[in-house]
Amino acid sequence: KLLSIVANVRGAQDASEHSEIQYLGYPFSISENFQMRN
C-alpha cells in the first residue's frame, strides 16, 4: 500500500485526490516546541 505524509489540510486534500494512495500520514508532536518547528 502507499502512504504519503501531509502536514496540513491542503496537503491532505491534494493527496486524497489520488486513488492509488491508501494512507495519509500526519506528524503530530506531543512536544509543543517540536510541533512549532515541524
PDB file of all heavy atoms in Angstrom:
ATOM      1  N   LYS A   1       0.846  -1.184   0.000  1.00  0.00           N
ATOM      2  CA  LYS A   1       0.000   0.000   0.000  1.00  0.00           C
ATOM      3  C   LYS A   1       0.889   1.245   0.000  1.00  0.00           C
ATOM      4  O   LYS A   1       2.059   1.170   0.364  1.00  0.00           O
ATOM      5  CB  LYS A   1      -0.929  -0.013   1.218  1.00  0.00           C
ATOM      6  CG  LYS A   1      -1.882  -1.209   1.192  1.00  0.00           C
ATOM      7  CD  LYS A   1      -2.718  -1.338   2.440  1.00  0.00           C
ATOM      8  CE  LYS A   1      -2.040  -2.051   3.582  1.00  0.00           C
ATOM      9  NZ  LYS A   1      -1.755  -3.472   3.325  1.00  0.00           N
ATOM     10  N   LEU A   2       0.342   2.368  -0.430  1.00  0.00           N
ATOM     11  CA  LEU A   2       1.123   3.607  -0.494  1.00  0.00           C
ATOM     12  C   LEU A   2       0.691   4.580   0.593  1.00  0.00           C
ATOM     13  O   LEU A   2      -0.503   4.768   0.847  1.00  0.00           O
ATOM     14  CB  LEU A   2       0.964   4.278  -1.860  1.00  0.00           C
ATOM     15  CG  LEU A   2       1.570   3.532  -3.060  1.00  0.00           C
ATOM     16  CD1 LEU A   2       1.338   4.330  -4.334  1.00  0.00           C
ATOM     17  CD2 LEU A   2       3.060   3.268  -2.862  1.00  0.00           C
ATOM     18  N   LEU A   3       1.682   5.199   1.219  1.00  0.00           N
ATOM     19  CA  LEU A   3       1.441   6.207   2.251  1.00  0.00           C
ATOM     20  C   LEU A   3       2.127   7.505   1.843  1.00  0.00           C
ATOM     21  O   LEU A   3       3.269   7.484   1.371  1.00  0.00           O
ATOM     22  CB  LEU A   3       1.999   5.720   3.601  1.00  0.00           C
ATOM     23  CG  LEU A   3       1.849   6.643   4.817  1.00  0.00           C
ATOM     24  CD1 LEU A   3       1.726   5.802   6.099  1.00  0.00           C
ATOM     25  CD2 LEU A   3       3.003   7.619   4.982  1.00  0.00           C
ATOM     26  N   SER A   4       1.423   8.600   2.011  1.00  0.00           N
ATOM     27  CA  SER A   4       2.015   9.913   1.766  1.00  0.00           C
ATOM     28  C   SER A   4       1.892  10.759   3.030  1.00  0.00           C
ATOM     29  O   SER A   4       0.843  10.756   3.687  1.00  0.00           O
ATOM     30  CB  SER A   4       1.286  10.608   0.612  1.00  0.00           C
ATOM     31  OG  SER A   4       1.695  11.957   0.537  1.00  0.00           O
ATOM     32  N   ILE A   5       2.949  11.474   3.352  1.00  0.00           N
ATOM     33  CA  ILE A   5       2.914  12.380   4.502  1.00  0.00           C
ATOM     34  C   ILE A   5       2.214  13.675   4.096  1.00  0.00           C
ATOM     35  O   ILE A   5       2.427  14.194   2.990  1.00  0.00           O
ATOM     36  CB  ILE A   5       4.353  12.685   4.989  1.00  0.00           C
ATOM     37  CG1 ILE A   5       5.011  11.417   5.520  1.00  0.00           C
ATOM     38  CG2 ILE A   5       4.350  13.791   6.049  1.00  0.00           C
ATOM     39  CD1 ILE A   5       4.439  10.864   6.802  1.00  0.00           C
ATOM     40  N   VAL A   6       1.390  14.193   4.986  1.00  0.00           N
ATOM     41  CA  VAL A   6       0.772  15.512   4.794  1.00  0.00           C
ATOM     42  C   VAL A   6       0.969  16.306   6.088  1.00  0.00           C
ATOM     43  O   VAL A   6       1.018  15.733   7.162  1.00  0.00           O
ATOM     44  CB  VAL A   6      -0.733  15.409   4.450  1.00  0.00           C
ATOM     45  CG1 VAL A   6      -0.931  14.632   3.149  1.00  0.00           C
ATOM     46  CG2 VAL A   6      -1.530  14.753   5.574  1.00  0.00           C
ATOM     47  N   ALA A   7       1.125  17.621   5.936  1.00  0.00           N
ATOM     48  CA  ALA A   7       1.386  18.444   7.125  1.00  0.00           C
ATOM     49  C   ALA A   7       0.259  19.416   7.418  1.00  0.00           C
ATOM     50  O   ALA A   7       0.256  20.087   8.446  1.00  0.00           O
ATOM     51  CB  ALA A   7       2.697  19.219   6.950  1.00  0.00           C
ATOM     52  N   ASN A   8      -0.713  19.491   6.492  1.00  0.00           N
ATOM     53  CA  ASN A   8      -1.831  20.418   6.699  1.00  0.00           C
ATOM     54  C   ASN A   8      -3.037  19.945   5.876  1.00  0.00           C
ATOM     55  O   ASN A   8      -2.969  18.937   5.167  1.00  0.00           O
ATOM     56  CB  ASN A   8      -1.430  21.860   6.341  1.00  0.00           C
ATOM     57  CG  ASN A   8      -0.849  21.957   4.931  1.00  0.00           C
ATOM     58  OD1 ASN A   8      -1.250  21.216   4.032  1.00  0.00           O
ATOM     59  ND2 ASN A   8       0.108  22.856   4.736  1.00  0.00           N
ATOM     60  N   VAL A   9      -4.108  20.710   5.983  1.00  0.00           N
ATOM     61  CA  VAL A   9      -5.366  20.326   5.324  1.00  0.00           C
ATOM     62  C   VAL A   9      -5.209  20.334   3.806  1.00  0.00           C
ATOM     63  O   VAL A   9      -5.681  19.426   3.116  1.00  0.00           O
ATOM     64  CB  VAL A   9      -6.506  21.271   5.770  1.00  0.00           C
ATOM     65  CG1 VAL A   9      -7.763  21.037   4.946  1.00  0.00           C
ATOM     66  CG2 VAL A   9      -6.805  21.064   7.253  1.00  0.00           C
ATOM     67  N   ARG A  10      -4.505  21.340   3.291  1.00  0.00           N
ATOM     68  CA  ARG A  10      -4.343  21.413   1.835  1.00  0.00           C
ATOM     69  C   ARG A  10      -3.597  20.176   1.312  1.00  0.00           C
ATOM     70  O   ARG A  10      -3.962  19.597   0.293  1.00  0.00           O
ATOM     71  CB  ARG A  10      -3.587  22.684   1.458  1.00  0.00           C
ATOM     72  CG  ARG A  10      -3.475  22.840  -0.041  1.00  0.00           C
ATOM     73  CD  ARG A  10      -2.716  24.063  -0.460  1.00  0.00           C
ATOM     74  NE  ARG A  10      -2.382  23.967  -1.868  1.00  0.00           N
ATOM     75  CZ  ARG A  10      -1.654  24.858  -2.513  1.00  0.00           C
ATOM     76  NH1 ARG A  10      -1.181  25.900  -1.894  1.00  0.00           N
ATOM     77  NH2 ARG A  10      -1.385  24.715  -3.790  1.00  0.00           N
ATOM     78  N   GLY A  11      -2.541  19.782   2.018  1.00  0.00           N
ATOM     79  CA  GLY A  11      -1.790  18.590   1.626  1.00  0.00           C
ATOM     80  C   GLY A  11      -2.672  17.352   1.642  1.00  0.00           C
ATOM     81  O   GLY A  11      -2.591  16.502   0.745  1.00  0.00           O
ATOM     82  N   ALA A  12      -3.525  17.256   2.658  1.00  0.00           N
ATOM     83  CA  ALA A  12      -4.442  16.107   2.767  1.00  0.00           C
ATOM     84  C   ALA A  12      -5.438  16.105   1.605  1.00  0.00           C
ATOM     85  O   ALA A  12      -5.752  15.044   1.043  1.00  0.00           O
ATOM     86  CB  ALA A  12      -5.171  16.141   4.099  1.00  0.00           C
ATOM     87  N   GLN A  13      -5.916  17.282   1.240  1.00  0.00           N
ATOM     88  CA  GLN A  13      -6.855  17.377   0.108  1.00  0.00           C
ATOM     89  C   GLN A  13      -6.173  16.949  -1.191  1.00  0.00           C
ATOM     90  O   GLN A  13      -6.738  16.204  -1.989  1.00  0.00           O
ATOM     91  CB  GLN A  13      -7.398  18.808  -0.005  1.00  0.00           C
ATOM     92  CG  GLN A  13      -8.383  19.145   1.104  1.00  0.00           C
ATOM     93  CD  GLN A  13      -8.673  20.637   1.200  1.00  0.00           C
ATOM     94  OE1 GLN A  13      -7.867  21.476   0.777  1.00  0.00           O
ATOM     95  NE2 GLN A  13      -9.818  20.983   1.786  1.00  0.00           N
ATOM     96  N   ASP A  14      -4.931  17.433  -1.377  1.00  0.00           N
ATOM     97  CA  ASP A  14      -4.185  17.072  -2.596  1.00  0.00           C
ATOM     98  C   ASP A  14      -3.946  15.559  -2.659  1.00  0.00           C
ATOM     99  O   ASP A  14      -4.160  14.932  -3.689  1.00  0.00           O
ATOM    100  CB  ASP A  14      -2.827  17.803  -2.637  1.00  0.00           C
ATOM    101  CG  ASP A  14      -2.983  19.305  -2.880  1.00  0.00           C
ATOM    102  OD1 ASP A  14      -4.083  19.733  -3.270  1.00  0.00           O
ATOM    103  OD2 ASP A  14      -1.998  20.039  -2.661  1.00  0.00           O
ATOM    104  N   ALA A  15      -3.498  14.991  -1.543  1.00  0.00           N
ATOM    105  CA  ALA A  15      -3.200  13.551  -1.516  1.00  0.00           C
ATOM    106  C   ALA A  15      -4.458  12.720  -1.703  1.00  0.00           C
ATOM    107  O   ALA A  15      -4.429  11.667  -2.357  1.00  0.00           O
ATOM    108  CB  ALA A  15      -2.510  13.187  -0.200  1.00  0.00           C
ATOM    109  N   SER A  16      -5.563  13.201  -1.149  1.00  0.00           N
ATOM    110  CA  SER A  16      -6.801  12.411  -1.185  1.00  0.00           C
ATOM    111  C   SER A  16      -7.386  12.318  -2.592  1.00  0.00           C
ATOM    112  O   SER A  16      -8.240  11.475  -2.869  1.00  0.00           O
ATOM    113  CB  SER A  16      -7.845  13.003  -0.227  1.00  0.00           C
ATOM    114  OG  SER A  16      -8.328  14.223  -0.735  1.00  0.00           O
ATOM    115  N   GLU A  17      -6.910  13.169  -3.498  1.00  0.00           N
ATOM    116  CA  GLU A  17      -7.390  13.114  -4.890  1.00  0.00           C
ATOM    117  C   GLU A  17      -6.777  11.941  -5.662  1.00  0.00           C
ATOM    118  O   GLU A  17      -7.195  11.638  -6.767  1.00  0.00           O
ATOM    119  CB  GLU A  17      -7.071  14.432  -5.603  1.00  0.00           C
ATOM    120  CG  GLU A  17      -7.967  15.574  -5.120  1.00  0.00           C
ATOM    121  CD  GLU A  17      -7.506  16.927  -5.648  1.00  0.00           C
ATOM    122  OE1 GLU A  17      -6.639  16.951  -6.546  1.00  0.00           O
ATOM    123  OE2 GLU A  17      -8.015  17.944  -5.161  1.00  0.00           O
ATOM    124  N   HIS A  18      -5.761  11.307  -5.070  1.00  0.00           N
ATOM    125  CA  HIS A  18      -5.079  10.201  -5.754  1.00  0.00           C
ATOM    126  C   HIS A  18      -5.585   8.865  -5.199  1.00  0.00           C
ATOM    127  O   HIS A  18      -5.316   8.520  -4.053  1.00  0.00           O
ATOM    128  CB  HIS A  18      -3.568  10.311  -5.566  1.00  0.00           C
ATOM    129  CG  HIS A  18      -2.986  11.563  -6.156  1.00  0.00           C
ATOM    130  ND1 HIS A  18      -2.609  11.655  -7.485  1.00  0.00           N
ATOM    131  CD2 HIS A  18      -2.749  12.777  -5.607  1.00  0.00           C
ATOM    132  CE1 HIS A  18      -2.144  12.868  -7.713  1.00  0.00           C
ATOM    133  NE2 HIS A  18      -2.226  13.568  -6.597  1.00  0.00           N
ATOM    134  N   SER A  19      -6.295   8.141  -6.036  1.00  0.00           N
ATOM    135  CA  SER A  19      -6.906   6.883  -5.577  1.00  0.00           C
ATOM    136  C   SER A  19      -5.854   5.828  -5.210  1.00  0.00           C
ATOM    137  O   SER A  19      -6.115   4.904  -4.456  1.00  0.00           O
ATOM    138  CB  SER A  19      -7.836   6.325  -6.649  1.00  0.00           C
ATOM    139  OG  SER A  19      -7.101   6.083  -7.838  1.00  0.00           O
ATOM    140  N   GLU A  20      -4.635   5.986  -5.756  1.00  0.00           N
ATOM    141  CA  GLU A  20      -3.589   4.977  -5.504  1.00  0.00           C
ATOM    142  C   GLU A  20      -3.060   5.034  -4.071  1.00  0.00           C
ATOM    143  O   GLU A  20      -2.420   4.094  -3.606  1.00  0.00           O
ATOM    144  CB  GLU A  20      -2.396   5.185  -6.463  1.00  0.00           C
ATOM    145  CG  GLU A  20      -2.770   5.220  -7.920  1.00  0.00           C
ATOM    146  CD  GLU A  20      -3.040   6.639  -8.426  1.00  0.00           C
ATOM    147  OE1 GLU A  20      -3.408   7.520  -7.621  1.00  0.00           O
ATOM    148  OE2 GLU A  20      -2.900   6.854  -9.640  1.00  0.00           O
ATOM    149  N   ILE A  21      -3.291   6.161  -3.404  1.00  0.00           N
ATOM    150  CA  ILE A  21      -2.769   6.324  -2.037  1.00  0.00           C
ATOM    151  C   ILE A  21      -3.793   5.789  -1.038  1.00  0.00           C
ATOM    152  O   ILE A  21      -4.958   6.172  -1.060  1.00  0.00           O
ATOM    153  CB  ILE A  21      -2.476   7.820  -1.741  1.00  0.00           C
ATOM    154  CG1 ILE A  21      -1.353   8.328  -2.656  1.00  0.00           C
ATOM    155  CG2 ILE A  21      -2.107   8.040  -0.279  1.00  0.00           C
ATOM    156  CD1 ILE A  21      -1.114   9.824  -2.577  1.00  0.00           C
ATOM    157  N   GLN A  22      -3.335   4.891  -0.165  1.00  0.00           N
ATOM    158  CA  GLN A  22      -4.245   4.331   0.853  1.00  0.00           C
ATOM    159  C   GLN A  22      -4.145   5.057   2.194  1.00  0.00           C
ATOM    160  O   GLN A  22      -5.105   5.108   2.943  1.00  0.00           O
ATOM    161  CB  GLN A  22      -3.938   2.843   1.092  1.00  0.00           C
ATOM    162  CG  GLN A  22      -4.467   1.919   0.024  1.00  0.00           C
ATOM    163  CD  GLN A  22      -3.460   1.714  -1.104  1.00  0.00           C
ATOM    164  OE1 GLN A  22      -2.402   2.336  -1.130  1.00  0.00           O
ATOM    165  NE2 GLN A  22      -3.796   0.860  -2.039  1.00  0.00           N
ATOM    166  N   TYR A  23      -2.944   5.575   2.504  1.00  0.00           N
ATOM    167  CA  TYR A  23      -2.727   6.168   3.831  1.00  0.00           C
ATOM    168  C   TYR A  23      -2.220   7.593   3.733  1.00  0.00           C
ATOM    169  O   TYR A  23      -1.332   7.907   2.928  1.00  0.00           O
ATOM    170  CB  TYR A  23      -1.671   5.366   4.610  1.00  0.00           C
ATOM    171  CG  TYR A  23      -2.053   3.958   4.941  1.00  0.00           C
ATOM    172  CD1 TYR A  23      -1.406   2.888   4.332  1.00  0.00           C
ATOM    173  CD2 TYR A  23      -3.050   3.674   5.885  1.00  0.00           C
ATOM    174  CE1 TYR A  23      -1.739   1.572   4.637  1.00  0.00           C
ATOM    175  CE2 TYR A  23      -3.386   2.368   6.198  1.00  0.00           C
ATOM    176  CZ  TYR A  23      -2.739   1.325   5.571  1.00  0.00           C
ATOM    177  OH  TYR A  23      -3.066   0.029   5.880  1.00  0.00           O
ATOM    178  N   LEU A  24      -2.777   8.452   4.596  1.00  0.00           N
ATOM    179  CA  LEU A  24      -2.231   9.793   4.812  1.00  0.00           C
ATOM    180  C   LEU A  24      -1.511   9.761   6.161  1.00  0.00           C
ATOM    181  O   LEU A  24      -2.090   9.340   7.163  1.00  0.00           O
ATOM    182  CB  LEU A  24      -3.348  10.849   4.863  1.00  0.00           C
ATOM    183  CG  LEU A  24      -4.353  10.858   3.700  1.00  0.00           C
ATOM    184  CD1 LEU A  24      -5.393  11.964   3.913  1.00  0.00           C
ATOM    185  CD2 LEU A  24      -3.642  11.044   2.368  1.00  0.00           C
ATOM    186  N   GLY A  25      -0.262  10.156   6.179  1.00  0.00           N
ATOM    187  CA  GLY A  25       0.498  10.174   7.431  1.00  0.00           C
ATOM    188  C   GLY A  25       0.608  11.598   7.953  1.00  0.00           C
ATOM    189  O   GLY A  25       0.992  12.506   7.201  1.00  0.00           O
ATOM    190  N   TYR A  26       0.245  11.794   9.220  1.00  0.00           N
ATOM    191  CA  TYR A  26       0.312  13.151   9.792  1.00  0.00           C
ATOM    192  C   TYR A  26       1.228  13.164  11.016  1.00  0.00           C
ATOM    193  O   TYR A  26       0.997  12.414  11.978  1.00  0.00           O
ATOM    194  CB  TYR A  26      -1.087  13.636  10.191  1.00  0.00           C
ATOM    195  CG  TYR A  26      -1.069  15.030  10.792  1.00  0.00           C
ATOM    196  CD1 TYR A  26      -0.749  16.139  10.005  1.00  0.00           C
ATOM    197  CD2 TYR A  26      -1.348  15.238  12.147  1.00  0.00           C
ATOM    198  CE1 TYR A  26      -0.717  17.419  10.552  1.00  0.00           C
ATOM    199  CE2 TYR A  26      -1.320  16.518  12.698  1.00  0.00           C
ATOM    200  CZ  TYR A  26      -1.005  17.605  11.893  1.00  0.00           C
ATOM    201  OH  TYR A  26      -0.969  18.864  12.437  1.00  0.00           O
ATOM    202  N   PRO A  27       2.280  13.996  11.002  1.00  0.00           N
ATOM    203  CA  PRO A  27       3.176  14.084  12.162  1.00  0.00           C
ATOM    204  C   PRO A  27       2.572  14.957  13.261  1.00  0.00           C
ATOM    205  O   PRO A  27       2.439  16.175  13.088  1.00  0.00           O
ATOM    206  CB  PRO A  27       4.451  14.721  11.578  1.00  0.00           C
ATOM    207  CG  PRO A  27       4.013  15.441  10.343  1.00  0.00           C
ATOM    208  CD  PRO A  27       2.729  14.828   9.877  1.00  0.00           C
ATOM    209  N   PHE A  28       2.180  14.331  14.342  1.00  0.00           N
ATOM    210  CA  PHE A  28       1.548  15.049  15.458  1.00  0.00           C
ATOM    211  C   PHE A  28       2.499  14.987  16.653  1.00  0.00           C
ATOM    212  O   PHE A  28       2.731  13.922  17.215  1.00  0.00           O
ATOM    213  CB  PHE A  28       0.213  14.389  15.806  1.00  0.00           C
ATOM    214  CG  PHE A  28      -0.495  15.036  16.954  1.00  0.00           C
ATOM    215  CD1 PHE A  28      -1.302  16.137  16.752  1.00  0.00           C
ATOM    216  CD2 PHE A  28      -0.333  14.562  18.251  1.00  0.00           C
ATOM    217  CE1 PHE A  28      -1.943  16.752  17.816  1.00  0.00           C
ATOM    218  CE2 PHE A  28      -0.968  15.165  19.316  1.00  0.00           C
ATOM    219  CZ  PHE A  28      -1.775  16.270  19.097  1.00  0.00           C
ATOM    220  N   SER A  29       3.049  16.124  17.018  1.00  0.00           N
ATOM    221  CA  SER A  29       4.028  16.098  18.102  1.00  0.00           C
ATOM    222  C   SER A  29       3.380  16.418  19.436  1.00  0.00           C
ATOM    223  O   SER A  29       2.560  17.324  19.544  1.00  0.00           O
ATOM    224  CB  SER A  29       5.149  17.100  17.846  1.00  0.00           C
ATOM    225  OG  SER A  29       6.088  17.019  18.895  1.00  0.00           O
ATOM    226  N   ILE A  30       3.770  15.651  20.452  1.00  0.00           N
ATOM    227  CA  ILE A  30       3.284  15.958  21.799  1.00  0.00           C
ATOM    228  C   ILE A  30       4.293  16.852  22.530  1.00  0.00           C
ATOM    229  O   ILE A  30       4.166  17.093  23.713  1.00  0.00           O
ATOM    230  CB  ILE A  30       2.968  14.684  22.609  1.00  0.00           C
ATOM    231  CG1 ILE A  30       4.189  13.766  22.704  1.00  0.00           C
ATOM    232  CG2 ILE A  30       1.807  13.934  21.960  1.00  0.00           C
ATOM    233  CD1 ILE A  30       3.979  12.572  23.619  1.00  0.00           C
ATOM    234  N   SER A  31       5.274  17.354  21.759  1.00  0.00           N
ATOM    235  CA  SER A  31       6.187  18.392  22.260  1.00  0.00           C
ATOM    236  C   SER A  31       5.820  19.686  21.551  1.00  0.00           C
ATOM    237  O   SER A  31       5.897  19.775  20.328  1.00  0.00           O
ATOM    238  CB  SER A  31       7.635  18.008  21.943  1.00  0.00           C
ATOM    239  OG  SER A  31       8.451  19.152  21.804  1.00  0.00           O
ATOM    240  N   GLU A  32       5.383  20.667  22.314  1.00  0.00           N
ATOM    241  CA  GLU A  32       4.969  21.961  21.730  1.00  0.00           C
ATOM    242  C   GLU A  32       6.102  22.569  20.904  1.00  0.00           C
ATOM    243  O   GLU A  32       5.898  23.065  19.798  1.00  0.00           O
ATOM    244  CB  GLU A  32       4.571  22.930  22.854  1.00  0.00           C
ATOM    245  CG  GLU A  32       3.888  24.196  22.362  1.00  0.00           C
ATOM    246  CD  GLU A  32       2.372  24.045  22.250  1.00  0.00           C
ATOM    247  OE1 GLU A  32       1.710  23.807  23.271  1.00  0.00           O
ATOM    248  OE2 GLU A  32       1.866  24.188  21.135  1.00  0.00           O
ATOM    249  N   ASN A  33       7.307  22.503  21.437  1.00  0.00           N
ATOM    250  CA  ASN A  33       8.458  23.069  20.729  1.00  0.00           C
ATOM    251  C   ASN A  33       8.650  22.423  19.365  1.00  0.00           C
ATOM    252  O   ASN A  33       8.857  23.102  18.358  1.00  0.00           O
ATOM    253  CB  ASN A  33       9.745  22.854  21.556  1.00  0.00           C
ATOM    254  CG  ASN A  33      10.017  24.016  22.480  1.00  0.00           C
ATOM    255  OD1 ASN A  33      10.226  25.139  22.041  1.00  0.00           O
ATOM    256  ND2 ASN A  33      10.023  23.743  23.774  1.00  0.00           N
ATOM    257  N   PHE A  34       8.589  21.080  19.347  1.00  0.00           N
ATOM    258  CA  PHE A  34       8.836  20.383  18.088  1.00  0.00           C
ATOM    259  C   PHE A  34       7.687  20.599  17.110  1.00  0.00           C
ATOM    260  O   PHE A  34       7.909  20.713  15.906  1.00  0.00           O
ATOM    261  CB  PHE A  34       9.059  18.889  18.328  1.00  0.00           C
ATOM    262  CG  PHE A  34       9.571  18.181  17.102  1.00  0.00           C
ATOM    263  CD1 PHE A  34      10.887  18.335  16.697  1.00  0.00           C
ATOM    264  CD2 PHE A  34       8.735  17.382  16.335  1.00  0.00           C
ATOM    265  CE1 PHE A  34      11.361  17.705  15.551  1.00  0.00           C
ATOM    266  CE2 PHE A  34       9.199  16.751  15.198  1.00  0.00           C
ATOM    267  CZ  PHE A  34      10.517  16.909  14.803  1.00  0.00           C
ATOM    268  N   GLN A  35       6.457  20.663  17.618  1.00  0.00           N
ATOM    269  CA  GLN A  35       5.313  20.898  16.724  1.00  0.00           C
ATOM    270  C   GLN A  35       5.473  22.237  16.011  1.00  0.00           C
ATOM    271  O   GLN A  35       5.225  22.356  14.810  1.00  0.00           O
ATOM    272  CB  GLN A  35       4.000  20.872  17.517  1.00  0.00           C
ATOM    273  CG  GLN A  35       2.760  20.855  16.636  1.00  0.00           C
ATOM    274  CD  GLN A  35       2.589  19.533  15.892  1.00  0.00           C
ATOM    275  OE1 GLN A  35       2.453  18.482  16.471  1.00  0.00           O
ATOM    276  NE2 GLN A  35       2.604  19.595  14.571  1.00  0.00           N
ATOM    277  N   MET A  36       5.918  23.250  16.757  1.00  0.00           N
ATOM    278  CA  MET A  36       6.130  24.573  16.154  1.00  0.00           C
ATOM    279  C   MET A  36       7.246  24.514  15.105  1.00  0.00           C
ATOM    280  O   MET A  36       7.128  25.083  14.027  1.00  0.00           O
ATOM    281  CB  MET A  36       6.491  25.599  17.238  1.00  0.00           C
ATOM    282  CG  MET A  36       5.334  25.974  18.151  1.00  0.00           C
ATOM    283  SD  MET A  36       3.959  26.797  17.285  1.00  0.00           S
ATOM    284  CE  MET A  36       4.698  28.382  16.904  1.00  0.00           C
ATOM    285  N   ARG A  37       8.326  23.811  15.416  1.00  0.00           N
ATOM    286  CA  ARG A  37       9.442  23.705  14.474  1.00  0.00           C
ATOM    287  C   ARG A  37       9.036  22.934  13.225  1.00  0.00           C
ATOM    288  O   ARG A  37       9.462  23.252  12.112  1.00  0.00           O
ATOM    289  CB  ARG A  37      10.616  22.949  15.131  1.00  0.00           C
ATOM    290  CG  ARG A  37      11.402  23.773  16.120  1.00  0.00           C
ATOM    291  CD  ARG A  37      12.327  22.851  16.931  1.00  0.00           C
ATOM    292  NE  ARG A  37      13.031  23.598  17.941  1.00  0.00           N
ATOM    293  CZ  ARG A  37      14.350  23.732  17.999  1.00  0.00           C
ATOM    294  NH1 ARG A  37      15.107  23.178  17.082  1.00  0.00           N
ATOM    295  NH2 ARG A  37      14.927  24.427  18.949  1.00  0.00           N
ATOM    296  N   ASN A  38       8.235  21.902  13.420  1.00  0.00           N
ATOM    297  CA  ASN A  38       7.920  20.984  12.332  1.00  0.00           C
ATOM    298  C   ASN A  38       6.807  21.500  11.436  1.00  0.00           C
ATOM    299  O   ASN A  38       6.887  21.407  10.218  1.00  0.00           O
ATOM    300  CB  ASN A  38       7.526  19.623  12.929  1.00  0.00           C
ATOM    301  CG  ASN A  38       7.919  18.467  12.026  1.00  0.00           C
ATOM    302  OD1 ASN A  38       8.833  18.584  11.221  1.00  0.00           O
ATOM    303  ND2 ASN A  38       7.217  17.365  12.140  1.00  0.00           N
TER     304      ASN A  38
END
